[in-house]
Amino acid sequence: MDFAAYSIRGPLKLAVGHDPYALSNNHLCCGWRPPASCAVSRVSSSNIPSNVVRHVVRDSPHLIALNSERLRSSLKASVLDGSIVAEDKITVLVIGGGGREHALCYALNRLPSCVSVLCAPGNVGIAQSGDATCVSDLDISSSDAVISFCHKRAVGMVVVGPDAPLVACLANDLVKAGIPTFGPSSETAALEGSKDFMKKLCDKYNIPTAKYRTFMDPVEAKQYVKDQGAPIVIKADGLAAGKGVVVAMSLDEAFEAIDCMLVEGSFGSAGSQVIIEEYLEGEEASFFALVDGENALPLESAQDHKRVGDGDVGPNTGGMGADSPAPIVTEELKRMVMESIIIPTVKGMAAEGRRFVGVLYAGLMIEKKSGLPKLIEYNVRFGDPECQVFRAGPGFRFDRRAFTKPGPGFAQVLMMRLESYLAQVLLSACKGELGKVSITWSPEIAMVVVMASEGYPGSYKKGTVIKNMDNAEQVSPAVKIFHAGTALDGDGNLVAVGGRVLGVTAKSKDIEEARARAYDAADAIDWPEGFFRRDIGWRALKHEQMANC
């Protein structure tokens, strides 16, 4: 299946009474806005054979051809004259060292025109698999060091994975140095870094989200909670302890969360203001789009399994597994999300002087009562949804350990299904040329089962030995194991050094076989101190069973 870019066209319609030059101070934003509030044009290739994917860019007579077979010959399409030109060979540097970066290296390394894929600092799994050359001694916290390295090694593109380098202006500095960089600037990273900023953007540009208010005063916050009733959602505004969120099922639980953030200061400056929003009922899904500042190219959907235990019980984690595509995200829903959420966000950011380049990762709630999507929160990088939710219950205690950092699950299932060459697609985004390309995806189902250290998401032991990895990956050619938290000890043994350690990923023509392959591989791994959920993909299976009834 082939996805093509949405181009931003037409006037940007603001909410009534808003100043077009500044984000609104009105903190109330609620309900669905009609797609007509943001005019877009869609470039479609759904009726063209996938062996030669063609689409017509609006207002241009030229045809573009872009598919994996032609790219295997190191060719790319030119929208300017319709001709095929040779692709320059490039070296790509990936910043980061987790499972997300392993998945990106795996996909980037497939492009024949890449001279090499480098990863700083990388990890032992990346190095041993040959998916990239790890540069463990590069100080990625120093823009000067990264820029010097890029010049020395003739790096043609940098892909930034984690949030810390983005917040530290690495993308800004690389772009200023003339190095193509896929990753948002520190200014545009506010979409993830400040929930209040994101909510105000929704308010101003008619993007559907939950009704909300922002507070700095705990007394006013508690009065608002009393007026609204429970259940209700309390969020710290900034990035702290894994971007904590409390879904309070009672007023007392909400009050305790407010005190923890605004009175006790558990999250420091990140919790100096809180967002209180309505509780939405429905099914969560994740939606991804690559953005070049003017064009947005939708990626495939995925569905996460965030709670630690089978049957979705226990505390939330950064993700215990995922499957792609998410059955709930239909073609009609994709169109709706692009037209009502993604495109208005891209246009709104541009109007605010914060041109966004990178990946928009939208955490969505498909509302039960309306069937329509609402934006929960944004991530501005590949990873798991920003909103790490801890559903409070009897005896609730606000525990920072419940809020874990975003993880790699979605990147892994997406990269397993990607048939186009990621390096060329991301380079097109860096150059503002996403309108010239389309992406081809495998129709197969992909699933990742996360293996974690016993005790996660609480305290866990580090340094436990993992064996039999080679046999596990040989269960099927359709199995790939991504490393998120591994290292080598002094004796050369592979050991666990993180909470979520391995992403055992598989794909197949149907969910049952993909599931069987992933679990066969996970069972083959000899790691007594590790564990994993046994019911990853249960929602997809349920949808499939209902469809077959």
Protein backbone atom coordinates (compact mmCIF):
# COMPACT_ATOMS: atom_id res chain seq x y z
CA MET A 1 0.00 0.00 0.00
CA ASP A 2 1.22 3.47 -0.88
CA PHE A 3 0.91 6.72 1.06
CA ALA A 4 1.40 10.13 -0.55
CA ALA A 5 1.85 13.57 0.91
CA TYR A 6 -0.79 16.07 1.88
CA SER A 7 0.12 19.57 0.75
CA ILE A 8 -0.88 22.62 2.76
CA ARG A 9 -3.08 24.89 0.64
CA GLY A 10 -5.73 27.50 1.19
CA PRO A 11 -6.24 29.94 4.04
CA LEU A 12 -5.59 29.00 7.63
CA LYS A 13 -8.84 29.42 9.55
CA LEU A 14 -8.42 30.56 13.12
CA ALA A 15 -10.87 30.22 15.96
CA VAL A 16 -13.22 33.20 16.20
CA GLY A 17 -11.78 36.24 17.96
CA HIS A 18 -8.17 35.09 18.01
CA ASP A 19 -5.11 37.26 17.51
CA PRO A 20 -3.31 35.77 14.46
CA TYR A 21 0.10 36.75 15.80
CA ALA A 22 0.08 35.10 19.22
CA LEU A 23 -1.27 31.96 20.84
CA SER A 24 -4.56 32.60 22.61
CA ASN A 25 -4.86 33.05 26.36
CA ASN A 26 -8.23 31.33 26.24
CA HIS A 27 -7.44 27.91 27.71
CA LEU A 28 -10.75 26.27 26.88
CA CYS A 29 -10.75 24.05 23.82
CA CYS A 30 -13.39 21.45 23.23
CA GLY A 31 -15.20 19.36 20.70
CA TRP A 32 -14.93 18.45 17.07
CA ARG A 33 -14.32 21.08 14.39
CA PRO A 34 -15.35 20.27 10.80
CA PRO A 35 -12.57 19.31 8.39
CA ALA A 36 -13.59 22.29 6.26
CA SER A 37 -11.82 24.52 8.77
CA CYS A 38 -8.55 23.59 7.08
CA ALA A 39 -8.35 23.21 3.33
CA VAL A 40 -5.88 20.63 2.07
CA SER A 41 -5.19 18.89 -1.20
CA ARG A 42 -4.40 15.21 -1.24
CA VAL A 43 -2.08 13.47 -3.62
CA SER A 44 -3.32 9.91 -3.98
CA SER A 45 -1.77 6.83 -5.51
CA SER A 46 -4.25 4.27 -4.29
CA ASN A 47 -5.30 3.20 -7.78
CA ILE A 48 -1.82 2.84 -9.23
CA PRO A 49 -0.01 -0.52 -9.27
CA SER A 50 2.51 -0.69 -6.46
CA ASN A 51 5.32 -1.90 -8.73
CA VAL A 52 5.56 1.62 -10.15
CA VAL A 53 3.98 4.06 -7.72
CA ARG A 54 2.99 7.28 -9.49
CA HIS A 55 1.13 10.28 -8.35
CA VAL A 56 0.39 13.73 -9.68
CA VAL A 57 1.29 16.68 -7.51
CA ARG A 58 -1.51 19.22 -7.64
CA ASP A 59 -0.89 22.16 -10.02
CA SER A 60 1.97 20.27 -11.66
CA PRO A 61 1.73 18.21 -14.85
CA HIS A 62 4.74 16.08 -13.99
CA LEU A 63 4.53 12.47 -12.98
CA ILE A 64 6.74 11.14 -10.26
CA ALA A 65 7.80 7.53 -9.94
CA LEU A 66 9.19 6.33 -6.64
CA ASN A 67 9.31 2.75 -5.50
CA SER A 68 11.62 0.35 -3.80
CA GLU A 69 12.59 -1.57 -6.95
CA ARG A 70 13.86 1.52 -8.70
CA LEU A 71 15.55 2.68 -5.56
CA ARG A 72 17.41 -0.60 -5.41
CA SER A 73 19.26 0.78 -8.43
CA SER A 74 20.10 3.92 -6.42
CA LEU A 75 17.73 6.08 -8.42
CA LYS A 76 15.27 8.71 -7.31
CA ALA A 77 12.44 10.61 -8.96
CA SER A 78 12.62 14.28 -9.88
CA VAL A 79 9.37 16.24 -9.72
CA LEU A 80 10.92 19.25 -11.42
CA ASP A 81 11.41 17.71 -14.85
CA GLY A 82 9.96 14.22 -14.54
CA SER A 83 13.32 12.62 -15.15
CA ILE A 84 15.15 10.01 -13.12
CA VAL A 85 18.47 11.17 -11.73
CA ALA A 86 21.19 9.32 -9.89
CA GLU A 87 21.06 9.52 -6.10
CA ASP A 88 24.24 10.80 -4.48
CA LYS A 89 25.81 8.48 -1.99
CA ILE A 90 25.53 9.75 1.57
CA THR A 91 26.65 8.91 5.06
CA VAL A 92 23.90 9.08 7.69
CA LEU A 93 24.48 9.72 11.40
CA VAL A 94 21.79 8.61 13.86
CA ILE A 95 21.87 10.25 17.28
CA GLY A 96 20.84 7.99 20.18
CA GLY A 97 21.40 4.53 21.56
CA GLY A 98 18.05 2.86 22.25
CA GLY A 99 15.63 0.52 20.53
CA ARG A 100 14.15 3.34 18.48
CA GLU A 101 17.58 4.17 17.08
CA HIS A 102 18.28 0.49 16.38
CA ALA A 103 15.10 0.31 14.31
CA LEU A 104 16.02 3.50 12.43
CA CYS A 105 19.52 2.20 11.69
CA TYR A 106 18.03 -1.06 10.44
CA ALA A 107 15.78 0.79 7.99
CA LEU A 108 18.39 3.35 6.93
CA ASN A 109 20.95 0.65 6.22
CA ARG A 110 18.74 -0.84 3.51
CA LEU A 111 19.48 1.99 1.04
CA PRO A 112 22.21 0.95 -1.43
CA SER A 113 23.29 4.58 -1.92
CA CYS A 114 24.21 4.98 1.75
CA VAL A 115 27.98 4.86 2.08
CA SER A 116 27.48 4.05 5.73
CA VAL A 117 25.13 4.42 8.67
CA LEU A 118 26.73 5.66 11.87
CA CYS A 119 25.10 5.73 15.30
CA ALA A 120 26.23 7.75 18.30
CA PRO A 121 26.54 6.37 20.87
CA GLY A 122 24.65 3.30 19.59
CA ASN A 123 24.42 0.07 21.54
CA VAL A 124 25.79 -3.45 21.48
CA GLY A 125 22.87 -4.82 19.46
CA ILE A 126 23.32 -2.21 16.74
CA ALA A 127 27.05 -2.92 16.58
CA GLN A 128 26.76 -6.72 16.56
CA SER A 129 23.97 -6.79 13.98
CA GLY A 130 25.91 -4.66 11.50
CA ASP A 131 22.94 -2.31 11.13
CA ALA A 132 25.28 0.62 11.80
CA THR A 133 28.78 1.50 12.94
CA CYS A 134 28.61 2.73 16.53
CA VAL A 135 30.53 5.85 17.56
CA SER A 136 30.50 5.50 21.33
CA ASP A 137 32.98 8.27 22.07
CA LEU A 138 31.13 11.13 20.32
CA ASP A 139 29.74 13.64 22.83
CA ILE A 140 26.20 14.10 21.48
CA SER A 141 25.49 16.74 24.14
CA SER A 142 27.97 19.04 22.39
CA SER A 143 26.77 20.58 19.13
CA ASP A 144 30.33 21.63 18.28
CA ALA A 145 31.56 18.04 18.67
CA VAL A 146 28.76 16.64 16.49
CA ILE A 147 29.25 19.31 13.81
CA SER A 148 33.01 18.71 13.73
CA PHE A 149 32.44 14.95 13.44
CA CYS A 150 29.95 15.46 10.58
CA HIS A 151 32.41 17.60 8.64
CA LYS A 152 35.25 15.17 9.26
CA ARG A 153 33.23 12.13 8.17
CA ALA A 154 31.33 13.92 5.35
CA VAL A 155 27.96 13.13 6.94
CA GLY A 156 25.15 13.95 4.51
CA MET A 157 22.25 13.73 6.97
CA VAL A 158 21.74 13.54 10.73
CA VAL A 159 18.69 11.83 12.26
CA VAL A 160 18.09 12.82 15.89
CA GLY A 161 16.27 10.22 17.99
CA PRO A 162 16.07 11.25 21.70
CA ASP A 163 14.44 14.39 23.08
CA ALA A 164 17.39 15.66 25.17
CA PRO A 165 19.60 16.65 22.18
CA LEU A 166 16.58 18.32 20.54
CA VAL A 167 15.86 20.40 23.64
CA ALA A 168 19.56 21.28 23.75
CA CYS A 169 19.23 22.84 20.25
CA LEU A 170 21.28 20.19 18.42
CA ALA A 171 18.97 20.30 15.37
CA ASN A 172 19.09 24.11 15.34
CA ASP A 173 22.88 24.13 15.42
CA LEU A 174 23.28 21.43 12.76
CA VAL A 175 20.96 23.23 10.35
CA LYS A 176 22.82 26.51 10.92
CA ALA A 177 26.01 24.65 10.03
CA GLY A 178 24.44 23.54 6.74
CA ILE A 179 24.03 19.88 7.72
CA PRO A 180 20.66 18.35 6.66
CA THR A 181 18.98 17.27 9.90
CA PHE A 182 15.81 15.29 10.49
CA GLY A 183 14.46 16.41 13.83
CA PRO A 184 12.61 19.46 15.09
CA SER A 185 14.17 22.65 16.36
CA SER A 186 14.05 23.39 20.08
CA GLU A 187 11.29 25.93 19.38
CA THR A 188 9.04 23.45 17.58
CA ALA A 189 9.80 20.73 20.15
CA ALA A 190 7.49 22.76 22.43
CA LEU A 191 4.68 20.65 20.92
CA GLU A 192 5.97 17.85 23.14
CA GLY A 193 7.73 19.87 25.82
CA SER A 194 4.71 21.93 26.89
CA LYS A 195 1.22 20.49 27.03
CA ASP A 196 -0.12 23.99 27.61
CA PHE A 197 1.48 25.18 24.36
CA MET A 198 -0.01 22.26 22.46
CA LYS A 199 -3.47 22.86 23.94
CA LYS A 200 -3.36 26.55 23.07
CA LEU A 201 -2.40 25.64 19.52
CA CYS A 202 -5.42 23.33 19.36
CA ASP A 203 -7.63 26.10 20.70
CA LYS A 204 -6.42 28.66 18.19
CA TYR A 205 -6.43 26.47 15.09
CA ASN A 206 -9.59 24.42 15.64
CA ILE A 207 -7.88 21.09 16.33
CA PRO A 208 -10.17 18.63 18.18
CA THR A 209 -8.96 17.80 21.68
CA ALA A 210 -10.35 17.34 25.18
CA LYS A 211 -11.78 20.37 26.98
CA TYR A 212 -9.16 21.72 29.37
CA ARG A 213 -7.87 24.48 31.65
CA THR A 214 -4.34 25.35 32.75
CA PHE A 215 -3.58 26.27 36.38
CA MET A 216 -0.70 27.42 38.54
CA ASP A 217 -2.78 27.90 41.71
CA PRO A 218 -3.73 24.65 43.50
CA VAL A 219 -6.86 26.20 45.07
CA GLU A 220 -8.20 27.28 41.69
CA ALA A 221 -7.26 23.92 40.18
CA LYS A 222 -9.16 22.01 42.86
CA GLN A 223 -12.22 24.22 42.46
CA TYR A 224 -12.23 23.49 38.74
CA VAL A 225 -12.02 19.77 39.48
CA LYS A 226 -14.99 20.08 41.86
CA ASP A 227 -16.99 21.88 39.17
CA GLN A 228 -16.16 19.30 36.51
CA GLY A 229 -16.32 16.11 38.60
CA ALA A 230 -14.44 12.83 38.20
CA PRO A 231 -13.05 10.96 36.38
CA ILE A 232 -10.71 13.70 35.22
CA VAL A 233 -7.15 13.93 33.89
CA ILE A 234 -4.32 15.85 35.60
CA LYS A 235 -1.11 16.51 33.65
CA ALA A 236 2.17 18.20 34.50
CA ASP A 237 2.85 20.73 31.78
CA GLY A 238 6.49 19.95 31.01
CA LEU A 239 8.79 16.99 30.49
CA ALA A 240 9.36 15.46 33.91
CA ALA A 241 9.71 11.92 35.19
CA GLY A 242 8.61 10.55 31.85
CA LYS A 243 5.88 13.16 31.22
CA GLY A 244 3.54 12.11 33.99
CA VAL A 245 -0.20 12.04 33.70
CA VAL A 246 -2.79 10.96 36.25
CA VAL A 247 -6.23 9.70 35.27
CA ALA A 248 -8.01 10.33 38.57
CA MET A 249 -11.15 8.29 39.09
CA SER A 250 -12.24 10.29 42.15
CA LEU A 251 -11.98 13.86 43.42
CA ASP A 252 -9.58 12.83 46.20
CA GLU A 253 -7.22 11.27 43.69
CA ALA A 254 -7.30 14.41 41.57
CA PHE A 255 -6.63 16.62 44.60
CA GLU A 256 -3.66 14.47 45.61
CA ALA A 257 -2.18 14.72 42.10
CA ILE A 258 -2.62 18.52 42.12
CA ASP A 259 -0.89 18.78 45.49
CA CYS A 260 1.93 16.57 44.32
CA MET A 261 2.59 18.76 41.28
CA LEU A 262 1.77 22.28 42.45
CA VAL A 263 2.39 22.12 46.20
CA GLU A 264 5.08 19.48 46.74
CA GLY A 265 6.87 20.26 43.48
CA SER A 266 7.53 16.61 42.61
CA PHE A 267 8.29 17.52 38.99
CA GLY A 268 10.20 20.73 39.62
CA SER A 269 9.64 23.49 37.09
CA ALA A 270 7.97 21.03 34.70
CA GLY A 271 5.09 20.72 37.18
CA SER A 272 4.85 24.43 38.02
CA GLN A 273 1.60 24.49 36.07
CA VAL A 274 -0.88 21.71 35.39
CA ILE A 275 -3.35 20.97 32.66
CA ILE A 276 -6.69 19.58 33.80
CA GLU A 277 -8.74 18.06 31.03
CA GLU A 278 -11.90 16.09 30.54
CA TYR A 279 -11.78 12.31 30.68
CA LEU A 280 -12.40 10.80 27.25
CA GLU A 281 -13.80 7.31 26.76
CA GLY A 282 -12.79 5.35 23.70
CA GLU A 283 -9.93 3.44 22.12
CA GLU A 284 -6.42 4.85 21.92
CA ALA A 285 -4.37 4.75 18.73
CA SER A 286 -1.17 6.30 17.49
CA PHE A 287 -0.76 8.16 14.22
CA PHE A 288 2.47 9.26 12.59
CA ALA A 289 3.31 11.79 9.89
CA LEU A 290 6.59 13.02 8.46
CA VAL A 291 6.63 16.81 8.05
CA ASP A 292 8.92 19.10 6.05
CA GLY A 293 7.40 22.38 7.22
CA GLU A 294 4.85 22.56 4.41
CA ASN A 295 3.92 19.00 3.50
CA ALA A 296 2.84 16.10 5.70
CA LEU A 297 3.29 12.49 4.68
CA PRO A 298 1.24 10.01 6.74
CA LEU A 299 2.92 6.87 7.98
CA GLU A 300 1.22 3.64 8.98
CA SER A 301 -0.69 3.36 12.25
CA ALA A 302 0.14 1.23 15.29
CA GLN A 303 -1.42 0.29 18.60
CA ASP A 304 0.45 0.11 21.88
CA HIS A 305 0.05 -2.09 24.96
CA LYS A 306 1.18 0.17 27.77
CA ARG A 307 0.26 -1.65 30.97
CA VAL A 308 2.74 -4.06 32.42
CA GLY A 309 0.48 -7.11 32.81
CA ASP A 310 -1.63 -9.39 30.62
CA GLY A 311 -5.17 -8.16 30.25
CA ASP A 312 -3.98 -4.54 30.52
CA VAL A 313 -3.52 -4.59 34.28
CA GLY A 314 -0.91 -3.02 36.52
CA PRO A 315 1.00 0.24 36.19
CA ASN A 316 1.64 1.91 32.88
CA THR A 317 4.99 1.46 31.18
CA GLY A 318 6.66 2.98 28.17
CA GLY A 319 5.16 0.13 26.16
CA MET A 320 5.21 -3.66 26.46
CA GLY A 321 4.49 -4.30 22.79
CA ALA A 322 2.75 -2.99 19.71
CA ASP A 323 1.21 -4.11 16.44
CA SER A 324 0.80 -2.40 13.08
CA PRO A 325 -1.48 -1.50 11.44
CA ALA A 326 -4.05 -0.60 14.10
CA PRO A 327 -7.40 -2.02 12.93
CA ILE A 328 -9.29 0.91 14.43
CA VAL A 329 -7.45 3.38 12.16
CA THR A 330 -9.42 2.94 8.93
CA GLU A 331 -8.68 4.76 5.67
CA GLU A 332 -11.50 7.18 6.41
CA LEU A 333 -10.14 7.82 9.89
CA LYS A 334 -6.64 8.45 8.44
CA ARG A 335 -8.09 11.08 6.13
CA MET A 336 -9.98 12.64 9.01
CA VAL A 337 -6.88 12.75 11.24
CA MET A 338 -4.78 14.32 8.49
CA GLU A 339 -7.35 16.96 7.63
CA SER A 340 -8.53 17.85 11.13
CA ILE A 341 -5.39 17.34 13.26
CA ILE A 342 -2.07 16.94 11.41
CA ILE A 343 -2.43 19.55 8.65
CA PRO A 344 -3.87 22.25 10.97
CA THR A 345 -0.97 21.60 13.34
CA VAL A 346 1.63 21.99 10.58
CA LYS A 347 -0.06 25.14 9.27
CA GLY A 348 -0.53 26.54 12.74
CA MET A 349 3.12 26.00 13.67
CA ALA A 350 4.22 27.71 10.45
CA ALA A 351 1.88 30.63 11.17
CA GLU A 352 3.42 30.97 14.63
CA GLY A 353 6.89 31.22 13.11
CA ARG A 354 7.83 27.68 14.25
CA ARG A 355 8.20 25.75 11.00
CA PHE A 356 8.16 22.08 11.96
CA VAL A 357 10.48 19.51 10.35
CA GLY A 358 10.45 16.00 11.75
CA VAL A 359 7.96 13.35 12.74
CA LEU A 360 4.65 14.22 14.36
CA TYR A 361 3.52 11.40 16.59
CA ALA A 362 -0.08 11.98 17.58
CA GLY A 363 -1.58 10.13 20.52
CA LEU A 364 -5.27 9.88 19.67
CA MET A 365 -8.47 8.91 21.41
CA ILE A 366 -11.14 7.58 19.09
CA GLU A 367 -14.06 8.78 21.14
CA LYS A 368 -16.63 6.14 21.97
CA LYS A 369 -19.69 8.38 21.79
CA SER A 370 -18.85 10.01 18.45
CA GLY A 371 -16.36 7.70 16.76
CA LEU A 372 -14.29 10.79 15.96
CA PRO A 373 -10.58 11.29 16.73
CA LYS A 374 -9.35 13.76 19.33
CA LEU A 375 -5.73 14.68 19.95
CA ILE A 376 -4.44 13.65 23.37
CA GLU A 377 -0.81 14.74 23.07
CA TYR A 378 2.08 14.98 20.63
CA ASN A 379 5.53 13.44 20.47
CA VAL A 380 7.97 15.05 18.06
CA ARG A 381 10.08 11.96 17.44
CA PHE A 382 9.77 8.26 16.82
CA GLY A 383 8.87 6.46 20.02
CA ASP A 384 5.91 5.53 22.18
CA PRO A 385 3.08 7.97 22.91
CA GLU A 386 4.06 10.93 25.04
CA CYS A 387 1.18 10.42 27.46
CA GLN A 388 2.31 7.84 30.02
CA VAL A 389 -0.95 7.31 31.91
CA PHE A 390 -1.22 5.97 35.43
CA ARG A 391 -4.86 5.15 36.19
CA ALA A 392 -5.35 5.91 39.87
CA GLY A 393 -7.24 3.43 42.02
CA PRO A 394 -7.92 2.73 45.69
CA GLY A 395 -4.97 3.66 47.87
CA PHE A 396 -3.51 5.79 45.07
CA ARG A 397 -0.03 7.13 45.65
CA PHE A 398 1.65 9.39 43.13
CA ASP A 399 4.76 7.39 42.28
CA ARG A 400 7.29 8.85 39.88
CA ARG A 401 8.37 5.35 38.90
CA ALA A 402 5.01 4.89 37.18
CA PHE A 403 5.99 7.44 34.57
CA THR A 404 8.56 5.96 32.27
CA LYS A 405 10.38 7.35 29.29
CA PRO A 406 9.04 6.84 25.76
CA GLY A 407 10.22 3.64 24.17
CA PRO A 408 10.97 2.05 20.82
CA GLY A 409 7.98 -0.22 20.10
CA PHE A 410 6.31 1.78 17.37
CA ALA A 411 9.51 2.53 15.49
CA GLN A 412 10.22 -1.19 15.39
CA VAL A 413 6.89 -2.31 13.91
CA LEU A 414 6.87 0.59 11.44
CA MET A 415 10.42 -0.02 10.22
CA MET A 416 9.64 -3.73 9.77
CA ARG A 417 6.77 -2.84 7.39
CA LEU A 418 8.48 -0.02 5.49
CA GLU A 419 9.32 -0.96 1.88
CA SER A 420 10.50 2.44 0.66
CA TYR A 421 14.00 3.59 1.53
CA LEU A 422 13.93 5.62 4.71
CA ALA A 423 17.11 7.59 4.00
CA GLN A 424 15.69 9.16 0.85
CA VAL A 425 12.35 9.91 2.46
CA LEU A 426 13.94 11.63 5.46
CA LEU A 427 16.36 13.55 3.24
CA SER A 428 13.37 14.78 1.23
CA ALA A 429 11.85 16.04 4.48
CA CYS A 430 15.08 17.86 5.37
CA LYS A 431 15.03 19.56 1.96
CA GLY A 432 11.34 20.49 2.06
CA GLU A 433 10.52 18.06 -0.75
CA LEU A 434 8.08 15.59 0.82
CA GLY A 435 5.48 16.63 -1.75
CA LYS A 436 7.59 14.81 -4.33
CA VAL A 437 7.54 11.38 -2.72
CA SER A 438 5.23 8.62 -1.64
CA ILE A 439 5.88 5.76 0.76
CA THR A 440 5.22 2.08 0.13
CA TRP A 441 4.31 -0.19 3.03
CA SER A 442 4.16 -3.95 3.26
CA PRO A 443 0.55 -5.15 3.60
CA GLU A 444 1.77 -7.62 6.24
CA ILE A 445 1.13 -7.33 9.97
CA ALA A 446 4.08 -6.48 12.22
CA MET A 447 4.22 -7.10 15.96
CA VAL A 448 6.80 -6.38 18.65
CA VAL A 449 6.92 -8.11 22.03
CA VAL A 450 9.00 -6.19 24.57
CA MET A 451 11.15 -8.22 26.95
CA ALA A 452 11.76 -6.33 30.20
CA SER A 453 13.78 -6.83 33.37
CA GLU A 454 11.85 -8.47 36.22
CA GLY A 455 10.48 -5.72 38.46
CA TYR A 456 10.00 -3.13 35.71
CA PRO A 457 8.50 -0.48 35.77
CA GLY A 458 9.67 -0.41 39.39
CA SER A 459 13.16 -1.28 40.56
CA TYR A 460 15.00 -4.03 38.73
CA LYS A 461 18.38 -5.71 38.76
CA LYS A 462 20.99 -4.78 36.17
CA GLY A 463 23.68 -6.99 34.71
CA THR A 464 21.64 -10.19 34.29
CA VAL A 465 22.93 -12.40 31.47
CA ILE A 466 20.91 -12.96 28.27
CA LYS A 467 21.66 -16.07 26.21
CA ASN A 468 20.58 -17.84 23.02
CA MET A 469 19.96 -14.66 21.00
CA ASP A 470 21.26 -16.14 17.74
CA ASN A 471 18.83 -19.07 17.87
CA ALA A 472 15.96 -16.74 18.66
CA GLU A 473 16.52 -14.65 15.54
CA GLN A 474 16.74 -17.81 13.44
CA VAL A 475 13.18 -18.84 14.35
CA SER A 476 12.07 -17.16 11.11
CA PRO A 477 13.57 -14.86 8.45
CA ALA A 478 10.69 -12.53 9.34
CA VAL A 479 12.00 -12.03 12.91
CA LYS A 480 14.25 -9.15 13.97
CA ILE A 481 15.36 -8.42 17.54
CA PHE A 482 16.05 -4.79 18.38
CA HIS A 483 18.18 -3.87 21.40
CA ALA A 484 17.05 -1.13 23.77
CA GLY A 485 18.91 -1.83 27.03
CA THR A 486 21.80 -4.24 26.56
CA ALA A 487 25.57 -4.16 27.02
CA LEU A 488 28.54 -6.53 27.21
CA ASP A 489 30.05 -7.37 30.59
CA GLY A 490 33.73 -7.96 31.29
CA ASP A 491 33.46 -11.58 30.15
CA GLY A 492 31.80 -10.68 26.86
CA ASN A 493 28.32 -11.79 27.95
CA LEU A 494 25.26 -9.92 26.70
CA VAL A 495 23.61 -8.39 29.78
CA ALA A 496 20.52 -6.33 30.54
CA VAL A 497 21.16 -2.76 31.69
CA GLY A 498 17.71 -1.24 31.32
CA GLY A 499 14.03 -1.73 32.14
CA ARG A 500 12.78 -2.56 28.68
CA VAL A 501 15.62 -4.46 27.09
CA LEU A 502 14.67 -6.21 23.84
CA GLY A 503 12.05 -5.70 21.15
CA VAL A 504 11.29 -9.07 19.57
CA THR A 505 9.68 -8.14 16.26
CA ALA A 506 8.07 -10.25 13.57
CA LYS A 507 5.80 -9.81 10.59
CA SER A 508 3.47 -12.04 8.59
CA LYS A 509 0.41 -12.01 6.38
CA ASP A 510 -1.92 -12.18 9.37
CA ILE A 511 -1.92 -11.28 13.05
CA GLU A 512 -1.98 -14.88 14.28
CA GLU A 513 1.19 -15.88 12.43
CA ALA A 514 3.04 -12.65 13.26
CA ARG A 515 2.14 -13.22 16.89
CA ALA A 516 3.29 -16.86 16.82
CA ARG A 517 6.64 -15.92 15.27
CA ALA A 518 7.30 -13.15 17.78
CA TYR A 519 6.46 -15.38 20.75
CA ASP A 520 8.44 -18.34 19.40
CA ALA A 521 11.49 -16.08 19.20
CA ALA A 522 10.88 -14.60 22.67
CA ASP A 523 10.51 -18.09 24.16
CA ALA A 524 13.82 -19.11 22.58
CA ILE A 525 15.72 -16.41 24.49
CA ASP A 526 17.32 -17.70 27.68
CA TRP A 527 16.87 -14.93 30.22
CA PRO A 528 15.39 -16.08 33.54
CA GLU A 529 15.38 -12.54 34.95
CA GLY A 530 13.33 -11.19 32.06
CA PHE A 531 9.59 -11.21 31.38
CA PHE A 532 7.09 -10.22 28.70
CA ARG A 533 3.35 -9.98 28.19
CA ARG A 534 1.65 -12.96 26.55
CA ASP A 535 -1.30 -11.09 25.03
CA ILE A 536 0.23 -8.51 22.69
CA GLY A 537 -2.08 -7.97 19.72
CA TRP A 538 -5.27 -8.89 21.56
CA ARG A 539 -7.16 -5.86 20.23
CA ALA A 540 -6.19 -6.65 16.65
CA LEU A 541 -7.25 -10.26 17.15
CA LYS A 542 -10.57 -9.10 18.56
CA HIS A 543 -11.19 -6.84 15.56
CA GLU A 544 -10.31 -9.67 13.18
CA GLN A 545 -12.63 -12.11 14.94
CA MET A 546 -15.47 -9.59 14.87
CA ALA A 547 -14.89 -8.96 11.15
CA ASN A 548 -15.06 -12.70 10.44
CA CYS A 549 -18.33 -13.18 12.33
